[in-house]
């Protein structure tokens, strides 16, 4: 059951940690059944009680008291186990195997799953099965499929957005080369910028923190444009001329940074790239 995703993790040099509950250890067992599993499986546990949540995931009392079998809790557990064990990916499952509903009223066959890492993904499974062991195996299979789909979705390469003659971009690429970190360069002038990407940046950083008011592109704008910038006009300006955006913008899956300095260097090193 775990051979495909195990081979994929090994091929990409990535690691995983697991927090499971209703699956009872079957997710970890499937990952460990493959020879050489130590290359990608760092550890995990059956986190079956609130006491275990605090002891093994280092959750606060408030966090540990959260309702289980929700996508929110599953993502919290996935993030916690990944952080505790320092892995590329964290996988978590929480559900009800049966034959009766769990303490929250979830019917047998209901489970929530989450992946935390360069990409975050959540999923809910509902089936009509009330056999406990059958559901345990079904939950393990669903968790492994979500993990594999997420790992395959992630390209694994860091992307630097900017222009070739930008000093900040050059410094970032020189440092990445010195650390032997692979990346791809997205040239604003040559490749433009997708609207969906810009909207993600605006939502995360705010348009005020994206526009580079010290850039030549900004200074060349008519004064009326520069003095009457609104959220709508800012988005339109950056779409029409991406060189207005502070550089570099760095992306690695769900992680994004604007600019490049010691803080960004440490963040990249902490990711184990």
Protein backbone atom coordinates (compact mmCIF):
# COMPACT_ATOMS: atom_id res chain seq x y z
CA UNK A 1 0.00 0.00 0.00
CA UNK A 2 2.85 2.38 0.74
CA UNK A 3 5.26 1.30 -1.98
CA UNK A 4 4.36 3.96 -4.54
CA UNK A 5 4.54 6.99 -2.24
CA UNK A 6 7.57 5.52 -0.45
CA UNK A 7 9.45 5.24 -3.73
CA UNK A 8 8.43 8.78 -4.66
CA UNK A 9 9.65 10.24 -1.37
CA UNK A 10 12.91 8.34 -1.64
CA UNK A 11 13.44 9.52 -5.23
CA UNK A 12 12.91 13.15 -4.23
CA UNK A 13 14.94 12.95 -1.04
CA UNK A 14 11.95 14.02 1.06
CA UNK A 15 10.79 12.85 4.48
CA UNK A 16 7.48 12.35 6.28
CA UNK A 17 6.15 12.16 9.83
CA UNK A 18 2.73 10.77 10.73
CA UNK A 19 0.07 11.57 13.31
CA UNK A 20 -2.75 9.05 13.05
CA UNK A 21 -5.66 8.21 15.27
CA UNK A 22 -8.49 5.99 14.02
CA UNK A 23 -6.17 4.23 11.54
CA UNK A 24 -4.35 2.80 14.55
CA UNK A 25 -0.85 2.76 13.11
CA UNK A 26 -1.69 1.29 9.71
CA UNK A 27 -0.49 4.40 7.87
CA UNK A 28 2.93 4.19 9.48
CA UNK A 29 3.00 0.41 9.03
CA UNK A 30 2.35 0.76 5.30
CA UNK A 31 5.15 3.29 4.93
CA UNK A 32 7.52 1.12 6.98
CA UNK A 33 6.77 -2.08 5.07
CA UNK A 34 9.06 -0.96 2.25
CA UNK A 35 12.77 -1.89 2.45
CA UNK A 36 14.85 1.25 2.98
CA UNK A 37 11.96 3.12 4.62
CA UNK A 38 14.38 4.95 6.93
CA UNK A 39 15.33 7.09 3.94
CA UNK A 40 11.96 8.84 4.07
CA UNK A 41 10.03 7.81 7.23
CA UNK A 42 11.26 9.73 10.27
CA UNK A 43 8.60 8.73 12.79
CA UNK A 44 5.04 9.04 13.93
CA UNK A 45 2.48 7.91 16.46
CA UNK A 46 -1.08 6.90 17.17
CA UNK A 47 -2.38 10.10 18.76
CA UNK A 48 -5.58 8.71 20.26
CA UNK A 49 -6.28 10.99 23.24
CA UNK A 50 -5.93 14.63 24.23
CA UNK A 51 -3.17 13.59 26.61
CA UNK A 52 -1.27 12.13 23.65
CA UNK A 53 -1.81 15.32 21.67
CA UNK A 54 -0.02 17.31 24.35
CA UNK A 55 2.71 14.74 25.01
CA UNK A 56 3.64 13.80 21.46
CA UNK A 57 2.60 16.84 19.40
CA UNK A 58 3.45 19.48 22.01
CA UNK A 59 0.04 21.10 21.59
CA UNK A 60 -1.17 23.61 24.15
CA UNK A 61 -4.13 22.72 26.37
CA UNK A 62 -6.38 24.84 24.17
CA UNK A 63 -5.11 23.24 20.96
CA UNK A 64 -5.31 19.72 22.41
CA UNK A 65 -8.93 20.35 23.44
CA UNK A 66 -10.02 20.97 19.86
CA UNK A 67 -12.68 18.73 18.38
CA UNK A 68 -11.12 15.84 16.52
CA UNK A 69 -12.25 14.50 13.16
CA UNK A 70 -12.18 17.94 11.51
CA UNK A 71 -9.99 19.24 8.72
CA UNK A 72 -8.85 22.05 11.03
CA UNK A 73 -7.60 19.65 13.68
CA UNK A 74 -6.04 17.34 11.09
CA UNK A 75 -4.03 20.23 9.65
CA UNK A 76 -2.97 21.33 13.13
CA UNK A 77 -1.74 17.79 13.90
CA UNK A 78 0.04 17.51 10.54
CA UNK A 79 1.83 20.81 11.12
CA UNK A 80 2.75 19.82 14.67
CA UNK A 81 4.22 16.41 13.83
CA UNK A 82 6.17 17.88 10.91
CA UNK A 83 7.60 20.59 13.14
CA UNK A 84 8.41 18.16 15.97
CA UNK A 85 10.35 15.80 13.70
CA UNK A 86 11.70 18.31 11.18
CA UNK A 87 10.37 16.55 8.08
CA UNK A 88 9.45 17.74 4.61
CA UNK A 89 5.87 16.55 5.06
CA UNK A 90 3.51 15.94 7.95
CA UNK A 91 0.51 13.65 7.53
CA UNK A 92 -2.42 13.47 9.95
CA UNK A 93 -5.66 11.49 10.18
CA UNK A 94 -8.57 11.73 12.62
CA UNK A 95 -11.87 9.90 12.25
CA UNK A 96 -14.45 7.39 13.41
CA UNK A 97 -14.04 3.71 12.55
CA UNK A 98 -17.16 2.32 14.24
CA UNK A 99 -19.13 0.29 14.83
CA UNK A 100 -20.80 3.26 16.57
CA UNK A 101 -20.46 7.01 16.14
CA UNK A 102 -17.58 8.71 17.91
CA UNK A 103 -17.91 11.13 20.83
CA UNK A 104 -18.58 14.01 18.43
CA UNK A 105 -21.43 12.21 16.68
CA UNK A 106 -19.51 11.41 13.50
CA UNK A 107 -20.81 8.27 11.83
CA UNK A 108 -18.54 5.25 11.26
CA UNK A 109 -16.51 5.71 8.10
CA UNK A 110 -16.02 9.46 8.60
CA UNK A 111 -12.45 10.76 8.68
CA UNK A 112 -10.46 13.92 8.02
CA UNK A 113 -6.92 14.02 6.63
CA UNK A 114 -4.30 16.71 6.19
CA UNK A 115 -0.88 17.14 4.64
CA UNK A 116 1.44 19.88 5.88
CA UNK A 117 4.60 20.91 4.07
CA UNK A 118 5.58 22.88 1.00
CA UNK A 119 1.92 22.38 0.04
CA UNK A 120 -0.95 22.08 2.53
CA UNK A 121 -3.90 19.90 1.64
CA UNK A 122 -6.97 18.67 3.54
CA UNK A 123 -9.61 16.08 2.70
CA UNK A 124 -12.71 14.51 4.28
CA UNK A 125 -13.79 10.91 3.65
CA UNK A 126 -17.29 9.59 4.27
CA UNK A 127 -18.47 6.06 3.51
CA UNK A 128 -21.32 3.81 4.65
CA UNK A 129 -19.13 1.14 6.20
CA UNK A 130 -19.49 0.40 9.93
CA UNK A 131 -16.94 -2.39 10.22
CA UNK A 132 -14.09 -1.09 12.35
CA UNK A 133 -11.18 -2.91 10.70
CA UNK A 134 -12.44 -2.22 7.20
CA UNK A 135 -12.56 1.50 7.97
CA UNK A 136 -9.09 1.45 9.49
CA UNK A 137 -7.66 0.08 6.25
CA UNK A 138 -9.76 2.50 4.18
CA UNK A 139 -8.48 5.46 6.22
CA UNK A 140 -4.87 4.33 5.80
CA UNK A 141 -5.30 3.96 2.05
CA UNK A 142 -6.96 7.38 1.72
CA UNK A 143 -4.20 9.04 3.75
CA UNK A 144 -1.44 7.53 1.62
CA UNK A 145 -3.21 8.51 -1.59
CA UNK A 146 -3.51 12.11 -0.37
CA UNK A 147 0.16 12.14 0.56
CA UNK A 148 1.22 10.81 -2.83
CA UNK A 149 -1.04 13.21 -4.74
CA UNK A 150 0.35 16.17 -2.78
CA UNK A 151 3.99 15.13 -3.21
CA UNK A 152 3.45 14.69 -6.96
CA UNK A 153 1.71 18.07 -7.19
CA UNK A 154 4.69 19.84 -5.68
CA UNK A 155 7.40 20.53 -8.25
CA UNK A 156 10.10 20.59 -5.59
CA UNK A 157 11.83 23.63 -7.07
CA UNK A 158 12.13 27.04 -5.49
CA UNK A 159 11.15 29.92 -7.82
CA UNK A 160 12.74 33.37 -7.87
CA UNK A 161 10.67 36.13 -9.51
CA UNK A 162 12.47 39.23 -10.70
CA UNK A 163 14.58 40.65 -13.50
CA UNK A 164 18.13 39.56 -14.49
CA UNK A 165 19.82 42.91 -13.85
CA UNK A 166 18.37 43.34 -10.35
CA UNK A 167 21.13 43.38 -7.73
CA UNK A 168 18.89 41.79 -5.09
CA UNK A 169 18.00 38.95 -7.46
CA UNK A 170 21.66 38.44 -8.29
CA UNK A 171 22.59 38.27 -4.61
CA UNK A 172 19.82 35.78 -3.93
CA UNK A 173 20.86 33.51 -6.80
CA UNK A 174 24.53 33.73 -5.83
CA UNK A 175 23.68 32.64 -2.28
CA UNK A 176 21.44 29.82 -3.50
CA UNK A 177 24.22 28.59 -5.76
CA UNK A 178 26.66 28.66 -2.85
CA UNK A 179 24.24 26.53 -0.82
CA UNK A 180 23.65 24.18 -3.78
CA UNK A 181 19.92 24.89 -3.64
CA UNK A 182 18.17 24.28 -6.96
CA UNK A 183 15.83 26.95 -8.25
CA UNK A 184 14.22 28.33 -11.36
CA UNK A 185 14.20 31.99 -12.36
CA UNK A 186 11.02 33.71 -13.54
CA UNK A 187 11.88 36.81 -15.56
CA UNK A 188 9.17 39.44 -15.18
CA UNK A 189 10.16 41.13 -18.44
CA UNK A 190 10.18 37.93 -20.46
CA UNK A 191 7.45 35.87 -18.79
CA UNK A 192 5.12 38.47 -17.30
CA UNK A 193 3.02 37.47 -14.30
CA UNK A 194 -0.20 35.48 -13.97
CA UNK A 195 -3.12 37.33 -12.38
CA UNK A 196 -3.78 34.45 -9.97
CA UNK A 197 -0.17 34.62 -8.73
CA UNK A 198 -0.30 38.38 -8.18
CA UNK A 199 -3.61 38.06 -6.31
CA UNK A 200 -2.05 35.46 -3.99
CA UNK A 201 0.82 37.84 -3.23
CA UNK A 202 -1.51 40.78 -2.62
CA UNK A 203 -3.65 38.69 -0.26
CA UNK A 204 -0.59 37.53 1.66
CA UNK A 205 1.59 40.65 1.76
CA UNK A 206 -0.72 43.55 0.89
CA UNK A 207 -0.27 45.69 -2.21
CA UNK A 208 1.50 48.41 -0.19
CA UNK A 209 4.31 45.97 0.65
CA UNK A 210 4.68 44.75 -2.92
CA UNK A 211 5.11 48.01 -4.82
CA UNK A 212 8.72 49.18 -4.96
CA UNK A 213 8.51 52.96 -4.74
CA UNK A 214 12.28 53.23 -5.16
CA UNK A 215 12.27 51.51 -8.54
CA UNK A 216 12.85 53.22 -11.87
CA UNK A 217 9.52 51.84 -13.07
CA UNK A 218 7.71 53.62 -10.24
CA UNK A 219 9.52 56.90 -10.77
CA UNK A 220 8.64 56.85 -14.47
CA UNK A 221 4.90 56.70 -13.76
CA UNK A 222 2.90 59.92 -14.14
CA UNK A 223 2.65 61.79 -10.85
CA UNK A 224 -1.13 61.42 -10.83
CA UNK A 225 -0.78 57.64 -10.82
CA UNK A 226 1.79 57.70 -8.03
CA UNK A 227 -0.20 59.97 -5.74
CA UNK A 228 -3.61 58.34 -6.14
CA UNK A 229 -2.90 54.62 -5.81
CA UNK A 230 -5.81 52.45 -4.70
CA UNK A 231 -5.96 48.67 -4.17
CA UNK A 232 -7.58 48.28 -7.60
CA UNK A 233 -5.18 50.59 -9.43
CA UNK A 234 -2.20 49.03 -7.64
CA UNK A 235 -3.16 45.57 -8.88
CA UNK A 236 -3.66 46.87 -12.42
CA UNK A 237 -0.33 48.71 -12.36
CA UNK A 238 1.59 45.63 -11.20
CA UNK A 239 -0.12 43.39 -13.75
CA UNK A 240 0.73 45.80 -16.57
CA UNK A 241 4.29 46.31 -15.32
CA UNK A 242 5.57 43.58 -12.96
CA UNK A 243 8.90 45.41 -12.61
CA UNK A 244 7.05 47.64 -10.11
CA UNK A 245 7.08 44.69 -7.68
CA UNK A 246 9.76 44.51 -4.98
CA UNK A 247 12.39 41.95 -5.86
CA UNK A 248 12.96 39.18 -5.53
CA UNK A 249 9.74 37.39 -4.69
CA UNK A 250 10.62 33.83 -3.68
CA UNK A 251 8.19 30.92 -3.70
CA UNK A 252 8.55 27.38 -2.44
CA UNK A 253 5.19 25.67 -2.45
CA UNK A 254 3.04 27.41 0.16
CA UNK A 255 6.00 29.50 1.40
CA UNK A 256 6.59 33.00 0.03
CA UNK A 257 8.97 35.86 0.79
CA UNK A 258 9.46 39.38 -0.58
CA UNK A 259 13.05 40.59 -0.60
CA UNK A 260 16.18 38.70 0.37
CA UNK A 261 18.18 39.05 3.54
CA UNK A 262 19.31 37.11 6.59
CA UNK A 263 15.75 36.31 7.65
CA UNK A 264 14.94 34.78 4.27
CA UNK A 265 18.24 32.86 4.21
CA UNK A 266 17.50 31.31 7.60
CA UNK A 267 13.95 30.44 6.59
CA UNK A 268 15.23 28.59 3.52
CA UNK A 269 17.85 26.76 5.56
CA UNK A 270 15.21 25.78 8.12
CA UNK A 271 13.23 24.12 5.33
CA UNK A 272 16.17 21.82 4.69
CA UNK A 273 16.51 22.71 1.01
